[in-house]
C-alpha atoms as a PDB file:
ATOM      1  CA  MET A   1      -2.550 -41.639 -27.560  1.00  0.00           C
ATOM      2  CA  LYS A   2      -3.716 -38.002 -27.450  1.00  0.00           C
ATOM      3  CA  LYS A   3      -7.023 -39.169 -25.914  1.00  0.00           C
ATOM      4  CA  ILE A   4      -5.182 -41.046 -23.163  1.00  0.00           C
ATOM      5  CA  LEU A   5      -2.951 -38.041 -22.366  1.00  0.00           C
ATOM      6  CA  LEU A   6      -5.957 -35.725 -22.341  1.00  0.00           C
ATOM      7  CA  THR A   7      -7.865 -38.099 -20.060  1.00  0.00           C
ATOM      8  CA  LEU A   8      -4.892 -38.428 -17.694  1.00  0.00           C
ATOM      9  CA  THR A   9      -4.384 -34.657 -17.637  1.00  0.00           C
ATOM     10  CA  LEU A  10      -8.053 -34.039 -16.835  1.00  0.00           C
ATOM     11  CA  ALA A  11      -7.956 -36.705 -14.141  1.00  0.00           C
ATOM     12  CA  LEU A  12      -4.906 -35.112 -12.518  1.00  0.00           C
ATOM     13  CA  VAL A  13      -6.488 -31.664 -12.647  1.00  0.00           C
ATOM     14  CA  CYS A  14      -9.647 -33.021 -11.027  1.00  0.00           C
ATOM     15  CA  LEU A  15      -7.614 -34.771  -8.327  1.00  0.00           C
ATOM     16  CA  ASN A  16      -5.703 -31.573  -7.588  1.00  0.00           C
ATOM     17  CA  LEU A  17      -8.905 -29.571  -7.417  1.00  0.00           C
ATOM     18  CA  GLY A  18     -10.465 -32.112  -5.119  1.00  0.00           C
ATOM     19  CA  SER A  19      -7.463 -32.125  -2.823  1.00  0.00           C
ATOM     20  CA  SER A  20      -7.421 -28.308  -2.682  1.00  0.00           C
ATOM     21  CA  GLU A  21     -11.121 -28.184  -1.862  1.00  0.00           C
ATOM     22  CA  GLU A  22     -10.575 -30.888   0.754  1.00  0.00           C
ATOM     23  CA  THR A  23      -7.782 -28.852   2.346  1.00  0.00           C
ATOM     24  CA  GLU A  24      -9.986 -25.775   2.330  1.00  0.00           C
ATOM     25  CA  SER A  25     -12.845 -27.595   4.019  1.00  0.00           C
ATOM     26  CA  VAL A  26     -10.441 -29.147   6.536  1.00  0.00           C
ATOM     27  CA  ALA A  27      -8.962 -25.707   7.283  1.00  0.00           C
ATOM     28  CA  ALA A  28     -12.466 -24.243   7.611  1.00  0.00           C
ATOM     29  CA  LYS A  29     -13.319 -27.019  10.072  1.00  0.00           C
ATOM     30  CA  LEU A  30     -10.189 -26.125  12.027  1.00  0.00           C
ATOM     31  CA  MET A  31     -11.390 -22.509  12.243  1.00  0.00           C
ATOM     32  CA  ASP A  32     -14.675 -23.784  13.700  1.00  0.00           C
ATOM     33  CA  VAL A  33     -12.970 -26.109  16.181  1.00  0.00           C
ATOM     34  CA  MET A  34     -10.548 -23.351  17.195  1.00  0.00           C
ATOM     35  CA  LYS A  35     -13.533 -21.014  17.600  1.00  0.00           C
ATOM     36  CA  VAL A  36     -11.721 -18.290  15.682  1.00  0.00           C
ATOM     37  CA  GLU A  37     -14.697 -15.931  15.737  1.00  0.00           C
ATOM     38  CA  GLN A  38     -14.988 -16.276  19.518  1.00  0.00           C
ATOM     39  CA  GLN A  39     -11.235 -15.761  19.805  1.00  0.00           C
ATOM     40  CA  MET A  40     -11.573 -12.506  17.871  1.00  0.00           C
ATOM     41  CA  GLN A  41     -14.225 -11.369  20.356  1.00  0.00           C
ATOM     42  CA  SER A  42     -12.012 -12.441  23.259  1.00  0.00           C
ATOM     43  CA  GLY A  43      -9.130 -10.557  21.679  1.00  0.00           C
ATOM     44  CA  PHE A  44     -11.294  -7.468  21.537  1.00  0.00           C
ATOM     45  CA  ASP A  45     -12.414  -8.005  25.139  1.00  0.00           C
ATOM     46  CA  SER A  46      -8.769  -8.229  26.177  1.00  0.00           C
ATOM     47  CA  MET A  47      -8.356  -4.653  24.876  1.00  0.00           C
ATOM     48  CA  MET A  48     -10.624  -3.345  27.648  1.00  0.00           C
ATOM     49  CA  PRO A  49      -7.812  -2.821  30.191  1.00  0.00           C
ATOM     50  CA  MET A  50      -5.969  -0.729  27.575  1.00  0.00           C
ATOM     51  CA  ILE A  51      -9.143   1.288  26.964  1.00  0.00           C
ATOM     52  CA  ASN A  52      -9.598   1.737  30.731  1.00  0.00           C
ATOM     53  CA  GLN A  53      -5.978   2.908  31.003  1.00  0.00           C
ATOM     54  CA  MET A  54      -6.548   5.359  28.150  1.00  0.00           C
ATOM     55  CA  ALA A  55      -9.635   6.660  29.935  1.00  0.00           C
ATOM     56  CA  GLN A  56      -7.610   7.170  33.127  1.00  0.00           C
ATOM     57  CA  GLN A  57      -4.903   9.062  31.257  1.00  0.00           C
ATOM     58  CA  MET A  58      -7.575  11.240  29.660  1.00  0.00           C
ATOM     59  CA  GLN A  59      -9.239  11.645  33.072  1.00  0.00           C
ATOM     60  CA  LEU A  60     -12.619  10.571  31.702  1.00  0.00           C
ATOM     61  CA  GLY A  61     -15.665  10.301  33.908  1.00  0.00           C
ATOM     62  CA  PRO A  62     -17.874   7.186  34.024  1.00  0.00           C
ATOM     63  CA  ASP A  63     -20.218   8.405  31.277  1.00  0.00           C
ATOM     64  CA  GLU A  64     -17.308   9.303  29.018  1.00  0.00           C
ATOM     65  CA  LEU A  65     -15.750   5.854  29.645  1.00  0.00           C
ATOM     66  CA  VAL A  66     -18.996   4.210  28.543  1.00  0.00           C
ATOM     67  CA  GLU A  67     -18.997   6.400  25.424  1.00  0.00           C
ATOM     68  CA  LEU A  68     -15.358   5.540  24.649  1.00  0.00           C
ATOM     69  CA  LYS A  69     -16.019   1.822  25.038  1.00  0.00           C
ATOM     70  CA  GLY A  70     -19.091   2.209  22.826  1.00  0.00           C
ATOM     71  CA  ILE A  71     -16.967   3.738  20.068  1.00  0.00           C
ATOM     72  CA  TYR A  72     -14.552   0.810  20.220  1.00  0.00           C
ATOM     73  CA  GLN A  73     -17.402  -1.730  20.301  1.00  0.00           C
ATOM     74  CA  ASP A  74     -19.127  -0.118  17.329  1.00  0.00           C
ATOM     75  CA  TRP A  75     -15.845  -0.146  15.394  1.00  0.00           C
ATOM     76  CA  PHE A  76     -15.248  -3.793  16.226  1.00  0.00           C
ATOM     77  CA  LYS A  77     -18.771  -4.958  15.377  1.00  0.00           C
ATOM     78  CA  ASN A  78     -19.551  -2.755  12.387  1.00  0.00           C
ATOM     79  CA  ASP A  79     -16.305  -1.713  10.728  1.00  0.00           C
ATOM     80  CA  LEU A  80     -14.096  -4.791  10.914  1.00  0.00           C
ATOM     81  CA  ASP A  81     -14.828  -7.406   8.264  1.00  0.00           C
ATOM     82  CA  HIS A  82     -14.847 -10.508  10.459  1.00  0.00           C
ATOM     83  CA  GLN A  83     -15.480 -12.912   7.576  1.00  0.00           C
ATOM     84  CA  SER A  84     -12.566 -11.480   5.634  1.00  0.00           C
ATOM     85  CA  LEU A  85     -10.337 -11.945   8.673  1.00  0.00           C
ATOM     86  CA  VAL A  86     -11.479 -15.557   9.095  1.00  0.00           C
ATOM     87  CA  ASN A  87     -10.851 -16.174   5.395  1.00  0.00           C
ATOM     88  CA  LYS A  88      -7.348 -14.722   5.661  1.00  0.00           C
ATOM     89  CA  ILE A  89      -6.569 -16.762   8.773  1.00  0.00           C
ATOM     90  CA  THR A  90      -7.911 -19.884   7.044  1.00  0.00           C
ATOM     91  CA  ALA A  91      -5.717 -19.202   4.019  1.00  0.00           C
ATOM     92  CA  LEU A  92      -2.719 -18.665   6.297  1.00  0.00           C
ATOM     93  CA  TYR A  93      -3.280 -22.070   7.898  1.00  0.00           C
ATOM     94  CA  GLU A  94      -3.694 -23.646   4.456  1.00  0.00           C
ATOM     95  CA  GLU A  95      -0.355 -22.162   3.389  1.00  0.00           C
ATOM     96  CA  SER A  96       1.417 -23.088   6.609  1.00  0.00           C
ATOM     97  CA  PHE A  97       0.215 -26.634   7.213  1.00  0.00           C
ATOM     98  CA  THR A  98      -0.420 -29.738   5.166  1.00  0.00           C
ATOM     99  CA  GLU A  99      -3.844 -31.294   5.160  1.00  0.00           C
ATOM    100  CA  ASP A 100      -2.637 -34.039   7.533  1.00  0.00           C
ATOM    101  CA  GLU A 101      -1.179 -31.440   9.895  1.00  0.00           C
ATOM    102  CA  ILE A 102      -4.459 -29.524   9.871  1.00  0.00           C
ATOM    103  CA  LYS A 103      -6.283 -32.751  10.700  1.00  0.00           C
ATOM    104  CA  GLY A 104      -3.839 -33.222  13.595  1.00  0.00           C
ATOM    105  CA  LEU A 105      -4.599 -29.710  14.825  1.00  0.00           C
ATOM    106  CA  ILE A 106      -8.318 -30.432  14.606  1.00  0.00           C
ATOM    107  CA  ALA A 107      -7.806 -33.595  16.680  1.00  0.00           C
ATOM    108  CA  PHE A 108      -5.885 -31.555  19.279  1.00  0.00           C
ATOM    109  CA  TYR A 109      -8.404 -28.718  19.450  1.00  0.00           C
ATOM    110  CA  GLN A 110     -11.214 -31.220  19.927  1.00  0.00           C
ATOM    111  CA  THR A 111      -9.583 -32.405  23.169  1.00  0.00           C
ATOM    112  CA  ASP A 112     -10.301 -30.822  26.535  1.00  0.00           C
ATOM    113  CA  LEU A 113      -6.784 -29.363  26.539  1.00  0.00           C
ATOM    114  CA  GLY A 114      -7.282 -27.899  23.059  1.00  0.00           C
ATOM    115  CA  GLN A 115     -10.564 -26.323  24.112  1.00  0.00           C
ATOM    116  CA  LYS A 116      -8.919 -24.889  27.232  1.00  0.00           C
ATOM    117  CA  LEU A 117      -6.198 -23.379  25.053  1.00  0.00           C
ATOM    118  CA  THR A 118      -8.866 -21.870  22.808  1.00  0.00           C
ATOM    119  CA  GLN A 119     -10.494 -20.238  25.829  1.00  0.00           C
ATOM    120  CA  ILE A 120      -7.370 -18.817  27.462  1.00  0.00           C
ATOM    121  CA  GLN A 121      -5.227 -18.021  24.399  1.00  0.00           C
ATOM    122  CA  PRO A 122      -6.353 -14.365  24.160  1.00  0.00           C
ATOM    123  CA  MET A 123      -5.493 -13.799  27.841  1.00  0.00           C
ATOM    124  CA  LEU A 124      -2.110 -15.516  27.410  1.00  0.00           C
ATOM    125  CA  THR A 125      -1.369 -13.387  24.349  1.00  0.00           C
ATOM    126  CA  GLN A 126      -2.420 -10.187  26.109  1.00  0.00           C
ATOM    127  CA  LYS A 127      -0.334 -10.922  29.192  1.00  0.00           C
ATOM    128  CA  GLY A 128       2.645 -11.952  27.061  1.00  0.00           C
ATOM    129  CA  ALA A 129       2.422  -8.667  25.174  1.00  0.00           C
ATOM    130  CA  MET A 130       2.117  -6.799  28.478  1.00  0.00           C
ATOM    131  CA  PHE A 131       5.245  -8.547  29.821  1.00  0.00           C
ATOM    132  CA  GLY A 132       7.100  -7.593  26.642  1.00  0.00           C
ATOM    133  CA  MET A 133       5.992  -3.960  26.886  1.00  0.00           C
ATOM    134  CA  GLN A 134       6.960  -3.761  30.565  1.00  0.00           C
ATOM    135  CA  GLU A 135      10.392  -5.244  29.869  1.00  0.00           C
ATOM    136  CA  ALA A 136      10.931  -2.900  26.919  1.00  0.00           C
ATOM    137  CA  GLN A 137       9.870   0.121  29.001  1.00  0.00           C
ATOM    138  CA  SER A 138      12.155  -0.870  31.862  1.00  0.00           C
ATOM    139  CA  LYS A 139      15.102  -1.051  29.446  1.00  0.00           C
ATOM    140  CA  GLN A 140      14.196   1.987  27.360  1.00  0.00           C
ATOM    141  CA  ALA A 141      16.985   4.099  28.883  1.00  0.00           C
ATOM    142  CA  LEU A 142      19.540   1.476  27.789  1.00  0.00           C
ATOM    143  CA  LEU A 143      18.173   1.558  24.258  1.00  0.00           C
ATOM    144  CA  MET A 144      18.265   5.350  24.172  1.00  0.00           C
ATOM    145  CA  ALA A 145      21.891   5.313  25.386  1.00  0.00           C
ATOM    146  CA  LYS A 146      22.781   2.932  22.550  1.00  0.00           C
ATOM    147  CA  LEU A 147      20.814   4.941  19.970  1.00  0.00           C
ATOM    148  CA  ARG A 148      22.129   8.376  20.971  1.00  0.00           C
ATOM    149  CA  PRO A 149      25.581   8.072  19.281  1.00  0.00           C
ATOM    150  CA  PHE A 150      23.968   6.685  16.132  1.00  0.00           C
ATOM    151  CA  MET A 151      21.364   9.441  16.016  1.00  0.00           C
ATOM    152  CA  GLU A 152      23.959  12.150  16.654  1.00  0.00           C
ATOM    153  CA  ALA A 153      26.154  10.785  13.860  1.00  0.00           C
ATOM    154  CA  HIS A 154      23.302  10.568  11.372  1.00  0.00           C
ATOM    155  CA  MET A 155      21.061  13.500  12.213  1.00  0.00           C
ATOM    156  CA  PRO A 156      21.103  16.341   9.663  1.00  0.00           C
ATOM    157  CA  LYS A 157      23.338  19.149  10.778  1.00  0.00           C
ATOM    158  CA  PRO A 158      21.650  22.520  11.264  1.00  0.00           C
ATOM    159  CA  PRO A 159      22.703  25.162   8.757  1.00  0.00           C
ATOM    160  CA  ALA A 160      25.619  27.290   9.862  1.00  0.00           C
ATOM    161  CA  PRO A 161      24.675  30.759  11.057  1.00  0.00           C
ATOM    162  CA  PRO A 162      25.366  33.489   8.488  1.00  0.00           C
ATOM    163  CA  THR A 163      28.653  35.299   8.746  1.00  0.00           C
ATOM    164  CA  ALA A 164      28.700  38.982   9.591  1.00  0.00           C
ATOM    165  CA  PRO A 165      29.005  40.317   5.987  1.00  0.00           C
ATOM    166  CA  GLU A 166      26.125  38.105   4.819  1.00  0.00           C
ATOM    167  CA  ALA A 167      23.961  39.263   7.698  1.00  0.00           C
ATOM    168  CA  ILE A 168      24.599  42.907   6.755  1.00  0.00           C
ATOM    169  CA  SER A 169      23.915  42.407   3.037  1.00  0.00           C
ATOM    170  CA  ALA A 170      20.671  40.595   3.797  1.00  0.00           C
ATOM    171  CA  GLU A 171      19.299  43.729   5.455  1.00  0.00           C
END
């Protein structure tokens, strides 16, 4: 009986390991189909308008703009651990979706529509963020008006000025 239980336990462990490895390979395939590495590059490329805006605010000349962009490019290519990011994104998908759902996503991303989404997603994300920032900036005065009473009620009070006798004895 112990042999049968041991055999069944080992079989279940092996099945679970196999299914986990299968999910990992399916999720890794999804990363390939979604072109995650290219999306990271596109995400970086979508930062260029922000860098150009920063250069304008700093009143940089053309050579200085090239230098600034070079700093960002060097950081992106040499300092960010792209493989670690892909691994984390893969793990996130593994945690968020079942194997069948991941297979469904793969099927979608293999379509023309899925590939189009892969290509334009960074631009959509950037523009969506820009819309959000513009809306927030346009309503910033309303937020400040709502925050002001809270801040006034909770800000530390400045120490009271010394009274006349204390001021004299301090001298």
